[in-house]
Amino acid sequence: MQQYVCDLCGYVYVPEDGDPDAGVAPGTAWEDVPENWVCPLCGAHKDDFSPI
């Protein structure tokens, strides 16, 4: 699965890990992450992430 990096702080969203603390289950593809999800490190929005 495609990983995405936060352009502001460098956090990497790994689909296999998800973001359980924010309600995003492991195995959740980037396209299925809710639009209101924010970076757990800096609060950036999905628009501030780029594929890597």
N, C-alpha and C. Protein backbone atom coordinates (compact mmCIF):
# COMPACT_ATOMS: atom_id res chain seq x y z
N MET A 1 0.84 -1.19 0.00
CA MET A 1 0.00 0.00 0.00
C MET A 1 0.88 1.25 0.00
N GLN A 2 0.40 2.28 -0.65
CA GLN A 2 1.12 3.55 -0.77
C GLN A 2 1.21 4.26 0.57
N GLN A 3 2.39 4.75 0.90
CA GLN A 3 2.59 5.55 2.10
C GLN A 3 2.56 7.02 1.73
N TYR A 4 2.21 7.86 2.71
CA TYR A 4 2.13 9.30 2.50
C TYR A 4 2.90 10.02 3.60
N VAL A 5 3.60 11.10 3.23
CA VAL A 5 4.39 11.85 4.19
C VAL A 5 3.81 13.25 4.37
N CYS A 6 3.80 13.72 5.60
CA CYS A 6 3.33 15.07 5.90
C CYS A 6 4.39 16.05 5.41
N ASP A 7 3.98 16.99 4.57
CA ASP A 7 4.91 17.98 4.01
C ASP A 7 5.39 18.96 5.08
N LEU A 8 4.68 19.05 6.20
CA LEU A 8 5.03 20.03 7.22
C LEU A 8 5.98 19.48 8.27
N CYS A 9 5.78 18.20 8.69
CA CYS A 9 6.60 17.70 9.80
C CYS A 9 7.35 16.41 9.49
N GLY A 10 7.01 15.74 8.39
CA GLY A 10 7.71 14.52 8.02
C GLY A 10 7.08 13.23 8.53
N TYR A 11 5.95 13.32 9.25
CA TYR A 11 5.25 12.11 9.71
C TYR A 11 4.87 11.28 8.48
N VAL A 12 5.05 9.97 8.57
CA VAL A 12 4.68 9.07 7.48
C VAL A 12 3.46 8.26 7.88
N TYR A 13 2.40 8.37 7.07
CA TYR A 13 1.22 7.54 7.27
C TYR A 13 1.49 6.20 6.59
N VAL A 14 1.47 5.13 7.39
CA VAL A 14 1.70 3.77 6.90
C VAL A 14 0.36 3.04 6.97
N PRO A 15 -0.24 2.72 5.82
CA PRO A 15 -1.57 2.10 5.82
C PRO A 15 -1.65 0.83 6.66
N GLU A 16 -0.59 0.04 6.68
CA GLU A 16 -0.61 -1.19 7.46
C GLU A 16 -0.75 -0.91 8.96
N ASP A 17 -0.28 0.26 9.40
CA ASP A 17 -0.37 0.64 10.81
C ASP A 17 -1.63 1.43 11.12
N GLY A 18 -2.11 2.20 10.13
CA GLY A 18 -3.25 3.08 10.36
C GLY A 18 -2.91 4.13 11.41
N ASP A 19 -3.91 4.63 12.09
CA ASP A 19 -3.75 5.58 13.20
C ASP A 19 -4.84 5.27 14.22
N PRO A 20 -4.68 4.13 14.93
CA PRO A 20 -5.73 3.68 15.85
C PRO A 20 -6.14 4.72 16.89
N ASP A 21 -5.20 5.56 17.34
CA ASP A 21 -5.54 6.58 18.33
C ASP A 21 -6.55 7.58 17.78
N ALA A 22 -6.61 7.72 16.45
CA ALA A 22 -7.54 8.65 15.82
C ALA A 22 -8.71 7.91 15.16
N GLY A 23 -8.83 6.61 15.44
CA GLY A 23 -9.95 5.85 14.90
C GLY A 23 -9.74 5.31 13.50
N VAL A 24 -8.49 5.32 13.00
CA VAL A 24 -8.19 4.79 11.67
C VAL A 24 -7.54 3.42 11.87
N ALA A 25 -8.28 2.38 11.51
CA ALA A 25 -7.84 1.01 11.75
C ALA A 25 -6.63 0.64 10.91
N PRO A 26 -5.78 -0.26 11.42
CA PRO A 26 -4.68 -0.79 10.60
C PRO A 26 -5.24 -1.39 9.31
N GLY A 27 -4.53 -1.18 8.21
CA GLY A 27 -4.96 -1.68 6.92
C GLY A 27 -5.81 -0.69 6.14
N THR A 28 -6.00 0.53 6.68
CA THR A 28 -6.82 1.54 6.00
C THR A 28 -6.00 2.26 4.94
N ALA A 29 -6.43 2.13 3.68
CA ALA A 29 -5.76 2.81 2.57
C ALA A 29 -5.95 4.33 2.72
N TRP A 30 -5.01 5.09 2.20
CA TRP A 30 -5.05 6.56 2.29
C TRP A 30 -6.37 7.11 1.79
N GLU A 31 -6.86 6.55 0.71
CA GLU A 31 -8.12 7.03 0.11
C GLU A 31 -9.30 6.86 1.06
N ASP A 32 -9.18 5.91 2.00
CA ASP A 32 -10.27 5.63 2.93
C ASP A 32 -10.12 6.31 4.28
N VAL A 33 -9.01 7.04 4.46
CA VAL A 33 -8.82 7.81 5.69
C VAL A 33 -9.81 8.98 5.64
N PRO A 34 -10.57 9.23 6.70
CA PRO A 34 -11.56 10.32 6.68
C PRO A 34 -10.94 11.67 6.33
N GLU A 35 -11.69 12.48 5.62
CA GLU A 35 -11.19 13.80 5.20
C GLU A 35 -10.89 14.72 6.38
N ASN A 36 -11.53 14.47 7.52
CA ASN A 36 -11.30 15.33 8.68
C ASN A 36 -10.15 14.83 9.56
N TRP A 37 -9.47 13.75 9.13
CA TRP A 37 -8.31 13.25 9.86
C TRP A 37 -7.18 14.27 9.76
N VAL A 38 -6.39 14.39 10.82
CA VAL A 38 -5.25 15.31 10.80
C VAL A 38 -3.98 14.57 11.25
N CYS A 39 -2.85 15.09 10.86
CA CYS A 39 -1.55 14.52 11.24
C CYS A 39 -1.47 14.44 12.76
N PRO A 40 -1.11 13.27 13.29
CA PRO A 40 -1.04 13.13 14.75
C PRO A 40 0.11 13.90 15.38
N LEU A 41 1.08 14.34 14.58
CA LEU A 41 2.21 15.09 15.14
C LEU A 41 2.02 16.60 15.09
N CYS A 42 1.49 17.10 13.96
CA CYS A 42 1.44 18.56 13.81
C CYS A 42 0.05 19.11 13.51
N GLY A 43 -0.94 18.23 13.28
CA GLY A 43 -2.30 18.70 13.02
C GLY A 43 -2.57 19.10 11.59
N ALA A 44 -1.64 18.80 10.67
CA ALA A 44 -1.84 19.14 9.25
C ALA A 44 -3.00 18.31 8.68
N HIS A 45 -3.64 18.85 7.65
CA HIS A 45 -4.75 18.17 7.00
C HIS A 45 -4.25 17.24 5.92
N LYS A 46 -5.10 16.37 5.41
CA LYS A 46 -4.73 15.41 4.37
C LYS A 46 -4.14 16.10 3.15
N ASP A 47 -4.57 17.31 2.86
CA ASP A 47 -4.06 18.05 1.71
C ASP A 47 -2.57 18.35 1.83
N ASP A 48 -2.04 18.28 3.03
CA ASP A 48 -0.64 18.58 3.28
C ASP A 48 0.25 17.34 3.23
N PHE A 49 -0.26 16.23 2.72
CA PHE A 49 0.50 14.98 2.59
C PHE A 49 0.79 14.69 1.13
N SER A 50 1.93 14.05 0.89
CA SER A 50 2.34 13.66 -0.46
C SER A 50 2.69 12.18 -0.48
N PRO A 51 2.43 11.50 -1.60
CA PRO A 51 2.81 10.09 -1.69
C PRO A 51 4.32 9.93 -1.72
N ILE A 52 4.80 8.83 -1.14
CA ILE A 52 6.23 8.54 -1.20
C ILE A 52 6.45 7.14 -1.75
